Amino acid sequence: MSPEYPAKRRYARLTLKEPVSGDVTASHDVHILDLSLGGVRVEHTHILRPGSTCYVRLPLKQQIVTVMGRVVWSRAVGRMAAEQGGTGLLYQSGIEFAALSREAQSLLEAFLESHDT
């Protein structure tokens, strides 16, 4: 593991068997690869700058939850056919959630517990 990532996470992370579609900010579609109470790892075609803030829309149990987050890391992981306005690069980014509302935290906890194996 590289030195920029801590060996232990503050929250258990759920890696999804199939990527789930979500949104980052108002206009960038992402695939949610894994999810925890502290943040999310997403795959996308538009660059997200580390240190920037964004809104993440999470589809949880037939309900969309929007949370504020901060991009902690982002890296190109491959290439793909360019979408309109995309770069042709495929990125993965880690987004740390800012303070979650009680409702968002409850929905997220219930979602994670229902998928716990």
N, C-alpha and C. Protein backbone atom coordinates (compact mmCIF):
# COMPACT_ATOMS: atom_id res chain seq x y z
N MET A 1 0.85 -1.17 0.00
CA MET A 1 0.00 0.00 0.00
C MET A 1 0.89 1.23 0.00
N SER A 2 0.58 2.24 -0.79
CA SER A 2 1.43 3.42 -0.87
C SER A 2 1.30 4.24 0.41
N PRO A 3 2.33 5.03 0.74
CA PRO A 3 2.33 5.77 1.99
C PRO A 3 1.25 6.84 2.09
N GLU A 4 0.65 7.26 0.96
CA GLU A 4 -0.36 8.31 1.03
C GLU A 4 -1.71 7.80 1.54
N TYR A 5 -1.89 6.49 1.64
CA TYR A 5 -3.15 5.92 2.11
C TYR A 5 -2.92 5.21 3.43
N PRO A 6 -3.69 5.55 4.45
CA PRO A 6 -3.49 4.89 5.75
C PRO A 6 -3.81 3.40 5.66
N ALA A 7 -3.11 2.63 6.48
CA ALA A 7 -3.28 1.17 6.48
C ALA A 7 -4.66 0.79 7.02
N LYS A 8 -5.20 1.56 7.94
CA LYS A 8 -6.51 1.26 8.52
C LYS A 8 -7.49 2.35 8.14
N ARG A 9 -8.68 1.93 7.82
CA ARG A 9 -9.74 2.88 7.48
C ARG A 9 -10.57 3.16 8.73
N ARG A 10 -11.15 4.34 8.77
CA ARG A 10 -12.03 4.68 9.89
C ARG A 10 -13.35 3.94 9.81
N TYR A 11 -13.80 3.60 8.58
CA TYR A 11 -15.09 2.95 8.38
C TYR A 11 -14.90 1.72 7.50
N ALA A 12 -15.70 0.70 7.77
CA ALA A 12 -15.71 -0.48 6.91
C ALA A 12 -16.25 -0.07 5.55
N ARG A 13 -15.73 -0.65 4.50
CA ARG A 13 -16.12 -0.29 3.14
C ARG A 13 -16.81 -1.45 2.46
N LEU A 14 -17.89 -1.16 1.76
CA LEU A 14 -18.63 -2.15 0.99
C LEU A 14 -18.21 -2.02 -0.46
N THR A 15 -17.62 -3.07 -1.03
CA THR A 15 -17.30 -3.09 -2.45
C THR A 15 -18.49 -3.71 -3.17
N LEU A 16 -19.03 -2.97 -4.09
CA LEU A 16 -20.24 -3.40 -4.78
C LEU A 16 -19.89 -4.41 -5.87
N LYS A 17 -20.70 -5.47 -5.98
CA LYS A 17 -20.46 -6.50 -6.99
C LYS A 17 -20.61 -5.95 -8.39
N GLU A 18 -21.57 -5.08 -8.58
CA GLU A 18 -21.81 -4.41 -9.85
C GLU A 18 -21.79 -2.92 -9.57
N PRO A 19 -21.09 -2.11 -10.39
CA PRO A 19 -21.10 -0.66 -10.16
C PRO A 19 -22.53 -0.12 -10.22
N VAL A 20 -22.80 0.85 -9.36
CA VAL A 20 -24.11 1.50 -9.29
C VAL A 20 -23.95 2.90 -9.85
N SER A 21 -24.90 3.33 -10.67
CA SER A 21 -24.82 4.67 -11.23
C SER A 21 -25.19 5.70 -10.18
N GLY A 22 -24.49 6.80 -10.19
CA GLY A 22 -24.75 7.92 -9.30
C GLY A 22 -24.30 9.18 -10.00
N ASP A 23 -24.27 10.29 -9.32
CA ASP A 23 -23.84 11.57 -9.88
C ASP A 23 -22.88 12.24 -8.91
N VAL A 24 -21.93 12.96 -9.48
CA VAL A 24 -21.08 13.85 -8.71
C VAL A 24 -21.32 15.23 -9.29
N THR A 25 -21.60 16.18 -8.44
CA THR A 25 -22.06 17.52 -8.82
C THR A 25 -23.29 17.36 -9.70
N ALA A 26 -23.65 18.37 -10.42
CA ALA A 26 -24.90 18.31 -11.17
C ALA A 26 -24.75 17.63 -12.53
N SER A 27 -23.52 17.52 -13.03
CA SER A 27 -23.43 17.12 -14.43
C SER A 27 -22.51 15.95 -14.75
N HIS A 28 -21.90 15.33 -13.77
CA HIS A 28 -20.95 14.26 -14.07
C HIS A 28 -21.50 12.92 -13.58
N ASP A 29 -21.75 12.03 -14.51
CA ASP A 29 -22.18 10.68 -14.14
C ASP A 29 -20.99 9.90 -13.64
N VAL A 30 -21.21 9.08 -12.64
CA VAL A 30 -20.15 8.24 -12.08
C VAL A 30 -20.71 6.85 -11.84
N HIS A 31 -19.81 5.89 -11.71
CA HIS A 31 -20.17 4.56 -11.22
C HIS A 31 -19.59 4.45 -9.83
N ILE A 32 -20.43 4.10 -8.88
CA ILE A 32 -20.00 3.93 -7.50
C ILE A 32 -19.41 2.54 -7.36
N LEU A 33 -18.13 2.48 -7.01
CA LEU A 33 -17.44 1.20 -6.90
C LEU A 33 -17.45 0.66 -5.48
N ASP A 34 -17.23 1.53 -4.50
CA ASP A 34 -17.40 1.11 -3.12
C ASP A 34 -17.81 2.29 -2.27
N LEU A 35 -18.34 1.97 -1.10
CA LEU A 35 -19.06 2.95 -0.31
C LEU A 35 -18.88 2.65 1.16
N SER A 36 -18.72 3.69 1.96
CA SER A 36 -18.65 3.53 3.42
C SER A 36 -19.34 4.73 4.05
N LEU A 37 -19.41 4.75 5.38
CA LEU A 37 -19.97 5.91 6.07
C LEU A 37 -19.09 7.14 5.91
N GLY A 38 -17.82 6.92 5.56
CA GLY A 38 -16.90 8.04 5.44
C GLY A 38 -16.69 8.56 4.04
N GLY A 39 -17.08 7.77 3.02
CA GLY A 39 -16.85 8.24 1.66
C GLY A 39 -17.18 7.20 0.62
N VAL A 40 -16.73 7.47 -0.59
CA VAL A 40 -17.09 6.66 -1.74
C VAL A 40 -15.93 6.65 -2.74
N ARG A 41 -15.76 5.53 -3.44
CA ARG A 41 -14.81 5.46 -4.56
C ARG A 41 -15.66 5.39 -5.82
N VAL A 42 -15.38 6.29 -6.76
CA VAL A 42 -16.18 6.37 -7.98
C VAL A 42 -15.29 6.25 -9.21
N GLU A 43 -15.91 5.83 -10.31
CA GLU A 43 -15.24 5.75 -11.61
C GLU A 43 -15.98 6.70 -12.54
N HIS A 44 -15.23 7.44 -13.36
CA HIS A 44 -15.85 8.51 -14.15
C HIS A 44 -14.95 8.91 -15.31
N THR A 45 -15.49 9.73 -16.22
CA THR A 45 -14.73 10.17 -17.40
C THR A 45 -14.36 11.64 -17.37
N HIS A 46 -14.83 12.38 -16.38
CA HIS A 46 -14.47 13.80 -16.23
C HIS A 46 -13.54 13.93 -15.03
N ILE A 47 -12.50 14.70 -15.19
CA ILE A 47 -11.52 14.83 -14.12
C ILE A 47 -12.14 15.50 -12.89
N LEU A 48 -11.79 14.99 -11.73
CA LEU A 48 -12.14 15.59 -10.45
C LEU A 48 -10.83 15.96 -9.77
N ARG A 49 -10.69 17.18 -9.39
CA ARG A 49 -9.43 17.67 -8.81
C ARG A 49 -9.37 17.40 -7.31
N PRO A 50 -8.30 16.74 -6.84
CA PRO A 50 -8.14 16.55 -5.39
C PRO A 50 -8.20 17.89 -4.67
N GLY A 51 -8.91 17.90 -3.55
CA GLY A 51 -9.08 19.10 -2.76
C GLY A 51 -10.37 19.85 -3.08
N SER A 52 -10.97 19.54 -4.23
CA SER A 52 -12.21 20.23 -4.60
C SER A 52 -13.39 19.61 -3.86
N THR A 53 -14.43 20.41 -3.70
CA THR A 53 -15.65 19.90 -3.07
C THR A 53 -16.68 19.60 -4.14
N CYS A 54 -17.58 18.70 -3.82
CA CYS A 54 -18.62 18.32 -4.77
C CYS A 54 -19.80 17.74 -4.02
N TYR A 55 -20.91 17.65 -4.71
CA TYR A 55 -22.07 16.94 -4.19
C TYR A 55 -22.08 15.57 -4.81
N VAL A 56 -22.41 14.56 -4.02
CA VAL A 56 -22.51 13.19 -4.51
C VAL A 56 -23.95 12.74 -4.30
N ARG A 57 -24.57 12.28 -5.38
CA ARG A 57 -25.94 11.75 -5.29
C ARG A 57 -25.85 10.23 -5.24
N LEU A 58 -26.35 9.67 -4.15
CA LEU A 58 -26.28 8.23 -3.93
C LEU A 58 -27.68 7.62 -4.01
N PRO A 59 -27.89 6.63 -4.88
CA PRO A 59 -29.18 5.96 -4.93
C PRO A 59 -29.23 4.86 -3.88
N LEU A 60 -29.92 5.13 -2.76
CA LEU A 60 -30.00 4.19 -1.65
C LEU A 60 -31.44 3.78 -1.41
N LYS A 61 -31.75 2.50 -1.56
CA LYS A 61 -33.07 1.95 -1.25
C LYS A 61 -34.20 2.78 -1.87
N GLN A 62 -34.19 2.90 -3.16
CA GLN A 62 -35.20 3.65 -3.91
C GLN A 62 -35.30 5.11 -3.50
N GLN A 63 -34.25 5.65 -2.91
CA GLN A 63 -34.23 7.05 -2.51
C GLN A 63 -32.86 7.63 -2.86
N ILE A 64 -32.85 8.84 -3.39
CA ILE A 64 -31.60 9.51 -3.71
C ILE A 64 -31.18 10.36 -2.52
N VAL A 65 -29.95 10.15 -2.06
CA VAL A 65 -29.40 10.93 -0.96
C VAL A 65 -28.26 11.76 -1.54
N THR A 66 -28.28 13.06 -1.31
CA THR A 66 -27.24 13.95 -1.79
C THR A 66 -26.40 14.40 -0.61
N VAL A 67 -25.08 14.18 -0.71
CA VAL A 67 -24.17 14.56 0.37
C VAL A 67 -23.03 15.40 -0.20
N MET A 68 -22.48 16.26 0.63
CA MET A 68 -21.34 17.07 0.26
C MET A 68 -20.09 16.25 0.52
N GLY A 69 -19.12 16.34 -0.40
CA GLY A 69 -17.88 15.61 -0.23
C GLY A 69 -16.68 16.40 -0.69
N ARG A 70 -15.50 15.86 -0.39
CA ARG A 70 -14.23 16.46 -0.82
C ARG A 70 -13.44 15.39 -1.54
N VAL A 71 -12.94 15.72 -2.73
CA VAL A 71 -12.14 14.78 -3.50
C VAL A 71 -10.78 14.66 -2.81
N VAL A 72 -10.46 13.44 -2.35
CA VAL A 72 -9.22 13.20 -1.63
C VAL A 72 -8.12 12.78 -2.60
N TRP A 73 -8.46 11.93 -3.56
CA TRP A 73 -7.49 11.50 -4.56
C TRP A 73 -8.22 11.21 -5.86
N SER A 74 -7.47 11.27 -6.95
CA SER A 74 -8.03 10.96 -8.26
C SER A 74 -6.89 10.53 -9.17
N ARG A 75 -7.14 9.47 -9.97
CA ARG A 75 -6.10 9.01 -10.88
C ARG A 75 -6.72 8.40 -12.12
N ALA A 76 -6.01 8.53 -13.23
CA ALA A 76 -6.43 7.89 -14.47
C ALA A 76 -6.13 6.40 -14.35
N VAL A 77 -7.10 5.56 -14.73
CA VAL A 77 -6.93 4.11 -14.61
C VAL A 77 -7.04 3.41 -15.96
N GLY A 78 -7.34 4.15 -17.01
CA GLY A 78 -7.47 3.53 -18.33
C GLY A 78 -8.02 4.50 -19.34
N ARG A 79 -8.32 3.97 -20.51
CA ARG A 79 -8.89 4.77 -21.59
C ARG A 79 -10.21 4.14 -22.02
N MET A 80 -11.06 4.98 -22.58
CA MET A 80 -12.31 4.50 -23.13
C MET A 80 -12.76 5.46 -24.21
N ALA A 81 -13.77 5.07 -24.96
CA ALA A 81 -14.29 5.94 -26.00
C ALA A 81 -14.75 7.25 -25.35
N ALA A 82 -14.33 8.37 -25.91
CA ALA A 82 -14.66 9.68 -25.35
C ALA A 82 -16.14 9.98 -25.50
N GLU A 83 -16.74 10.42 -24.42
CA GLU A 83 -18.12 10.89 -24.45
C GLU A 83 -18.09 12.35 -24.85
N GLN A 84 -19.23 12.89 -25.19
CA GLN A 84 -19.29 14.31 -25.50
C GLN A 84 -18.83 15.08 -24.26
N GLY A 85 -17.78 15.84 -24.40
CA GLY A 85 -17.24 16.60 -23.29
C GLY A 85 -16.29 15.82 -22.41
N GLY A 86 -16.13 14.51 -22.64
CA GLY A 86 -15.22 13.69 -21.85
C GLY A 86 -13.81 13.74 -22.42
N THR A 87 -12.88 13.11 -21.74
CA THR A 87 -11.48 13.18 -22.15
C THR A 87 -11.00 11.94 -22.87
N GLY A 88 -11.74 10.85 -22.78
CA GLY A 88 -11.25 9.59 -23.30
C GLY A 88 -10.49 8.80 -22.24
N LEU A 89 -10.22 9.44 -21.11
CA LEU A 89 -9.57 8.76 -19.99
C LEU A 89 -10.64 8.31 -19.01
N LEU A 90 -10.35 7.21 -18.35
CA LEU A 90 -11.22 6.70 -17.30
C LEU A 90 -10.51 6.94 -15.98
N TYR A 91 -11.19 7.58 -15.05
CA TYR A 91 -10.61 7.94 -13.75
C TYR A 91 -11.31 7.18 -12.63
N GLN A 92 -10.60 7.05 -11.52
CA GLN A 92 -11.19 6.64 -10.26
C GLN A 92 -10.79 7.69 -9.24
N SER A 93 -11.73 8.02 -8.36
CA SER A 93 -11.49 9.03 -7.34
C SER A 93 -12.07 8.59 -6.01
N GLY A 94 -11.44 9.03 -4.95
CA GLY A 94 -11.94 8.82 -3.60
C GLY A 94 -12.51 10.12 -3.09
N ILE A 95 -13.75 10.07 -2.63
CA ILE A 95 -14.43 11.26 -2.12
C ILE A 95 -14.79 11.02 -0.67
N GLU A 96 -14.32 11.90 0.20
CA GLU A 96 -14.63 11.82 1.63
C GLU A 96 -15.88 12.65 1.88
N PHE A 97 -16.83 12.08 2.61
CA PHE A 97 -18.05 12.81 2.92
C PHE A 97 -17.78 13.86 3.98
N ALA A 98 -18.42 15.02 3.82
CA ALA A 98 -18.43 16.03 4.87
C ALA A 98 -19.46 15.57 5.89
N ALA A 99 -19.74 16.37 6.87
CA ALA A 99 -20.70 15.97 7.90
C ALA A 99 -22.02 15.56 7.26
N LEU A 100 -22.44 14.33 7.55
CA LEU A 100 -23.70 13.81 7.02
C LEU A 100 -24.85 14.25 7.91
N SER A 101 -25.99 14.55 7.30
CA SER A 101 -27.19 14.82 8.09
C SER A 101 -27.58 13.51 8.78
N ARG A 102 -28.37 13.59 9.82
CA ARG A 102 -28.80 12.37 10.52
C ARG A 102 -29.58 11.46 9.58
N GLU A 103 -30.42 12.07 8.74
CA GLU A 103 -31.21 11.28 7.80
C GLU A 103 -30.31 10.56 6.80
N ALA A 104 -29.34 11.29 6.24
CA ALA A 104 -28.42 10.68 5.27
C ALA A 104 -27.61 9.57 5.94
N GLN A 105 -27.13 9.80 7.15
CA GLN A 105 -26.36 8.79 7.85
C GLN A 105 -27.20 7.55 8.13
N SER A 106 -28.44 7.74 8.55
CA SER A 106 -29.33 6.60 8.83
C SER A 106 -29.59 5.79 7.57
N LEU A 107 -29.88 6.47 6.46
CA LEU A 107 -30.13 5.77 5.20
C LEU A 107 -28.88 5.03 4.73
N LEU A 108 -27.73 5.67 4.85
CA LEU A 108 -26.48 5.04 4.45
C LEU A 108 -26.17 3.83 5.33
N GLU A 109 -26.34 3.96 6.64
CA GLU A 109 -26.12 2.83 7.54
C GLU A 109 -27.04 1.67 7.20
N ALA A 110 -28.31 1.96 6.96
CA ALA A 110 -29.28 0.89 6.62
C ALA A 110 -28.89 0.21 5.31
N PHE A 111 -28.46 1.00 4.34
CA PHE A 111 -28.05 0.43 3.05
C PHE A 111 -26.83 -0.47 3.22
N LEU A 112 -25.84 -0.01 3.96
CA LEU A 112 -24.63 -0.80 4.17
C LEU A 112 -24.93 -2.08 4.95
N GLU A 113 -25.77 -1.98 5.98
CA GLU A 113 -26.14 -3.17 6.76
C GLU A 113 -26.91 -4.17 5.92
N SER A 114 -27.76 -3.69 5.04
CA SER A 114 -28.56 -4.62 4.21
C SER A 114 -27.70 -5.34 3.17
N HIS A 115 -26.54 -4.80 2.86
CA HIS A 115 -25.63 -5.42 1.89
C HIS A 115 -24.44 -6.11 2.56
N ASP A 116 -24.38 -6.08 3.87
CA ASP A 116 -23.27 -6.70 4.61
C ASP A 116 -23.36 -8.22 4.42
N THR A 117 -22.21 -8.83 4.08
CA THR A 117 -22.21 -10.29 3.86
C THR A 117 -21.45 -10.98 4.95
